[in-house]
N, C-alpha and C. Protein backbone atom coordinates (compact mmCIF):
# COMPACT_ATOMS: atom_id res chain seq x y z
N MET A 1 -2.30 23.65 -72.89
CA MET A 1 -2.78 23.57 -74.24
C MET A 1 -1.58 23.56 -75.19
N ALA A 2 -1.55 22.63 -76.09
CA ALA A 2 -0.45 22.52 -77.04
C ALA A 2 -0.62 23.55 -78.14
N ARG A 3 0.49 24.07 -78.59
CA ARG A 3 0.50 25.03 -79.70
C ARG A 3 1.43 24.50 -80.77
N GLU A 4 1.23 24.97 -81.95
CA GLU A 4 2.03 24.52 -83.08
C GLU A 4 3.08 25.56 -83.44
N ILE A 5 4.30 25.09 -83.67
CA ILE A 5 5.38 25.92 -84.15
C ILE A 5 5.92 25.26 -85.41
N ARG A 6 6.10 26.04 -86.43
CA ARG A 6 6.67 25.50 -87.67
C ARG A 6 8.11 25.98 -87.79
N ILE A 7 8.99 25.02 -88.09
CA ILE A 7 10.39 25.35 -88.29
C ILE A 7 10.84 24.77 -89.62
N GLU A 8 11.84 25.37 -90.19
CA GLU A 8 12.40 24.86 -91.43
C GLU A 8 13.81 24.36 -91.16
N LEU A 9 14.12 23.19 -91.70
CA LEU A 9 15.44 22.59 -91.57
C LEU A 9 16.02 22.42 -92.95
N ASP A 10 17.33 22.56 -93.04
CA ASP A 10 17.93 22.26 -94.33
C ASP A 10 17.95 20.74 -94.50
N ASP A 11 18.26 20.29 -95.69
CA ASP A 11 18.20 18.85 -96.00
C ASP A 11 19.09 18.01 -95.09
N ALA A 12 20.29 18.49 -94.81
CA ALA A 12 21.22 17.72 -93.97
C ALA A 12 20.69 17.57 -92.55
N GLN A 13 20.14 18.65 -91.99
CA GLN A 13 19.57 18.59 -90.64
C GLN A 13 18.37 17.65 -90.60
N TYR A 14 17.52 17.73 -91.61
CA TYR A 14 16.34 16.87 -91.64
C TYR A 14 16.75 15.40 -91.76
N GLU A 15 17.74 15.11 -92.59
CA GLU A 15 18.19 13.73 -92.73
C GLU A 15 18.75 13.19 -91.43
N GLN A 16 19.51 14.03 -90.72
CA GLN A 16 20.05 13.60 -89.42
C GLN A 16 18.92 13.34 -88.44
N LEU A 17 17.96 14.22 -88.38
CA LEU A 17 16.81 14.07 -87.50
C LEU A 17 16.03 12.80 -87.83
N ALA A 18 15.79 12.57 -89.11
CA ALA A 18 15.06 11.38 -89.54
C ALA A 18 15.84 10.11 -89.20
N ARG A 19 17.16 10.15 -89.36
CA ARG A 19 18.00 9.00 -89.02
C ARG A 19 17.92 8.67 -87.53
N GLU A 20 18.04 9.71 -86.69
CA GLU A 20 17.96 9.52 -85.24
C GLU A 20 16.60 8.98 -84.84
N ALA A 21 15.54 9.51 -85.43
CA ALA A 21 14.19 9.05 -85.13
C ALA A 21 14.02 7.59 -85.56
N HIS A 22 14.54 7.25 -86.72
CA HIS A 22 14.45 5.86 -87.21
C HIS A 22 15.17 4.90 -86.28
N GLU A 23 16.36 5.29 -85.79
CA GLU A 23 17.11 4.45 -84.86
C GLU A 23 16.33 4.20 -83.57
N LEU A 24 15.52 5.17 -83.18
CA LEU A 24 14.71 5.05 -81.95
C LEU A 24 13.31 4.51 -82.23
N HIS A 25 13.04 4.17 -83.50
CA HIS A 25 11.73 3.66 -83.93
C HIS A 25 10.61 4.64 -83.57
N GLU A 26 10.86 5.91 -83.88
CA GLU A 26 9.89 6.95 -83.58
C GLU A 26 9.53 7.72 -84.84
N ASP A 27 8.39 8.37 -84.79
CA ASP A 27 7.97 9.26 -85.86
C ASP A 27 8.88 10.49 -85.84
N PRO A 28 9.43 10.89 -86.98
CA PRO A 28 10.34 12.05 -87.00
C PRO A 28 9.72 13.33 -86.44
N THR A 29 8.44 13.55 -86.68
CA THR A 29 7.80 14.76 -86.18
C THR A 29 7.71 14.75 -84.65
N ALA A 30 7.34 13.61 -84.06
CA ALA A 30 7.26 13.50 -82.60
C ALA A 30 8.66 13.62 -81.99
N TYR A 31 9.64 13.00 -82.63
CA TYR A 31 11.01 13.06 -82.14
C TYR A 31 11.51 14.51 -82.18
N ALA A 32 11.25 15.21 -83.28
CA ALA A 32 11.67 16.60 -83.41
C ALA A 32 11.04 17.46 -82.31
N GLY A 33 9.78 17.22 -82.00
CA GLY A 33 9.12 17.96 -80.94
C GLY A 33 9.77 17.74 -79.59
N ARG A 34 10.14 16.49 -79.31
CA ARG A 34 10.81 16.17 -78.05
C ARG A 34 12.18 16.83 -77.97
N VAL A 35 12.93 16.77 -79.07
CA VAL A 35 14.26 17.38 -79.10
C VAL A 35 14.14 18.89 -78.87
N LEU A 36 13.21 19.52 -79.55
CA LEU A 36 13.02 20.96 -79.40
C LEU A 36 12.61 21.31 -77.96
N ALA A 37 11.68 20.56 -77.40
CA ALA A 37 11.25 20.82 -76.02
C ALA A 37 12.41 20.64 -75.04
N ARG A 38 13.23 19.62 -75.25
CA ARG A 38 14.38 19.38 -74.37
C ARG A 38 15.37 20.54 -74.45
N GLU A 39 15.62 21.03 -75.66
CA GLU A 39 16.55 22.14 -75.83
C GLU A 39 16.00 23.43 -75.22
N LEU A 40 14.69 23.65 -75.32
CA LEU A 40 14.08 24.83 -74.69
C LEU A 40 14.16 24.73 -73.18
N ASP A 41 13.93 23.54 -72.62
CA ASP A 41 14.05 23.34 -71.18
C ASP A 41 15.48 23.63 -70.72
N LYS A 42 16.44 23.15 -71.49
CA LYS A 42 17.85 23.38 -71.15
C LYS A 42 18.16 24.87 -71.17
N ALA A 43 17.69 25.58 -72.18
CA ALA A 43 17.94 27.02 -72.29
C ALA A 43 17.31 27.77 -71.12
N ARG A 44 16.09 27.39 -70.75
CA ARG A 44 15.42 28.03 -69.61
C ARG A 44 16.18 27.77 -68.31
N PHE A 45 16.67 26.53 -68.14
CA PHE A 45 17.42 26.18 -66.94
C PHE A 45 18.70 27.01 -66.86
N LEU A 46 19.43 27.09 -67.97
CA LEU A 46 20.68 27.85 -67.98
C LEU A 46 20.44 29.33 -67.74
N GLU A 47 19.36 29.86 -68.32
CA GLU A 47 19.02 31.27 -68.11
C GLU A 47 18.66 31.51 -66.64
N GLY A 48 17.87 30.62 -66.07
CA GLY A 48 17.50 30.76 -64.65
C GLY A 48 18.70 30.62 -63.73
N SER A 49 19.60 29.72 -64.06
CA SER A 49 20.82 29.55 -63.26
C SER A 49 21.67 30.81 -63.30
N ALA A 50 21.82 31.38 -64.48
CA ALA A 50 22.62 32.60 -64.62
C ALA A 50 21.97 33.74 -63.83
N LEU A 51 20.66 33.84 -63.89
CA LEU A 51 19.95 34.88 -63.15
C LEU A 51 20.14 34.69 -61.64
N PHE A 52 20.01 33.45 -61.19
CA PHE A 52 20.20 33.13 -59.77
C PHE A 52 21.60 33.52 -59.30
N LEU A 53 22.61 33.12 -60.09
CA LEU A 53 23.99 33.39 -59.69
C LEU A 53 24.37 34.86 -59.82
N SER A 54 23.60 35.64 -60.59
CA SER A 54 23.91 37.06 -60.73
C SER A 54 23.39 37.89 -59.56
N ALA A 55 22.52 37.30 -58.74
CA ALA A 55 22.01 38.02 -57.57
C ALA A 55 23.16 38.25 -56.59
N PRO A 56 23.23 39.42 -55.98
CA PRO A 56 24.33 39.73 -55.06
C PRO A 56 24.49 38.69 -53.96
N GLY A 57 25.71 38.14 -53.86
CA GLY A 57 26.04 37.18 -52.81
C GLY A 57 25.67 35.74 -53.11
N MET A 58 24.88 35.48 -54.15
CA MET A 58 24.43 34.11 -54.43
C MET A 58 25.56 33.20 -54.89
N ARG A 59 26.45 33.72 -55.72
CA ARG A 59 27.55 32.90 -56.22
C ARG A 59 28.41 32.40 -55.05
N GLU A 60 28.72 33.32 -54.12
CA GLU A 60 29.53 32.97 -52.96
C GLU A 60 28.80 31.98 -52.05
N GLU A 61 27.50 32.22 -51.84
CA GLU A 61 26.71 31.32 -50.99
C GLU A 61 26.61 29.93 -51.61
N PHE A 62 26.40 29.87 -52.92
CA PHE A 62 26.33 28.59 -53.61
C PHE A 62 27.65 27.85 -53.48
N ALA A 63 28.76 28.54 -53.69
CA ALA A 63 30.09 27.93 -53.58
C ALA A 63 30.34 27.46 -52.16
N ARG A 64 29.91 28.24 -51.18
CA ARG A 64 30.10 27.86 -49.78
C ARG A 64 29.33 26.58 -49.45
N ARG A 65 28.09 26.50 -49.92
CA ARG A 65 27.25 25.34 -49.61
C ARG A 65 27.60 24.10 -50.41
N PHE A 66 27.91 24.27 -51.68
CA PHE A 66 28.03 23.11 -52.57
C PHE A 66 29.41 22.93 -53.18
N GLY A 67 30.34 23.80 -52.84
CA GLY A 67 31.69 23.70 -53.40
C GLY A 67 32.44 22.52 -52.80
N PRO A 68 33.63 22.25 -53.33
CA PRO A 68 34.42 21.14 -52.81
C PRO A 68 34.80 21.35 -51.36
N GLN A 69 34.68 20.31 -50.57
CA GLN A 69 35.03 20.37 -49.16
C GLN A 69 36.04 19.27 -48.89
N ALA A 70 37.28 19.64 -48.75
CA ALA A 70 38.38 18.69 -48.63
C ALA A 70 38.21 17.74 -47.46
N GLU A 71 37.76 18.22 -46.32
CA GLU A 71 37.66 17.37 -45.13
C GLU A 71 36.67 16.21 -45.34
N SER A 72 35.48 16.52 -45.86
CA SER A 72 34.45 15.49 -45.99
C SER A 72 34.81 14.46 -47.03
N THR A 73 35.47 14.84 -48.13
CA THR A 73 35.84 13.87 -49.15
C THR A 73 37.00 13.01 -48.68
N ALA A 74 37.91 13.59 -47.90
CA ALA A 74 39.05 12.82 -47.41
C ALA A 74 38.60 11.82 -46.36
N SER A 75 37.65 12.20 -45.51
CA SER A 75 37.19 11.28 -44.46
C SER A 75 36.29 10.18 -45.03
N ALA A 76 35.66 10.42 -46.18
CA ALA A 76 34.79 9.43 -46.78
C ALA A 76 35.58 8.31 -47.45
N ALA A 77 36.83 8.56 -47.77
CA ALA A 77 37.65 7.56 -48.46
C ALA A 77 38.15 6.48 -47.60
């Protein structure tokens, strides 16, 4: 279910938003909603990543699995 959030922008921010929406041939209100949703998704992702990496041993395990591996990159070249 969609909910409504009201935000206030200063004139400069609104003009920039309207300009970007115009360049994309979109309604400024719909464009603003997409931008806000994208930024909220990014914030949730970063918060979840930080929480994941703060768990004991996770940072080391992540680095072990996905960190740079000199042998595989050298043999791929």
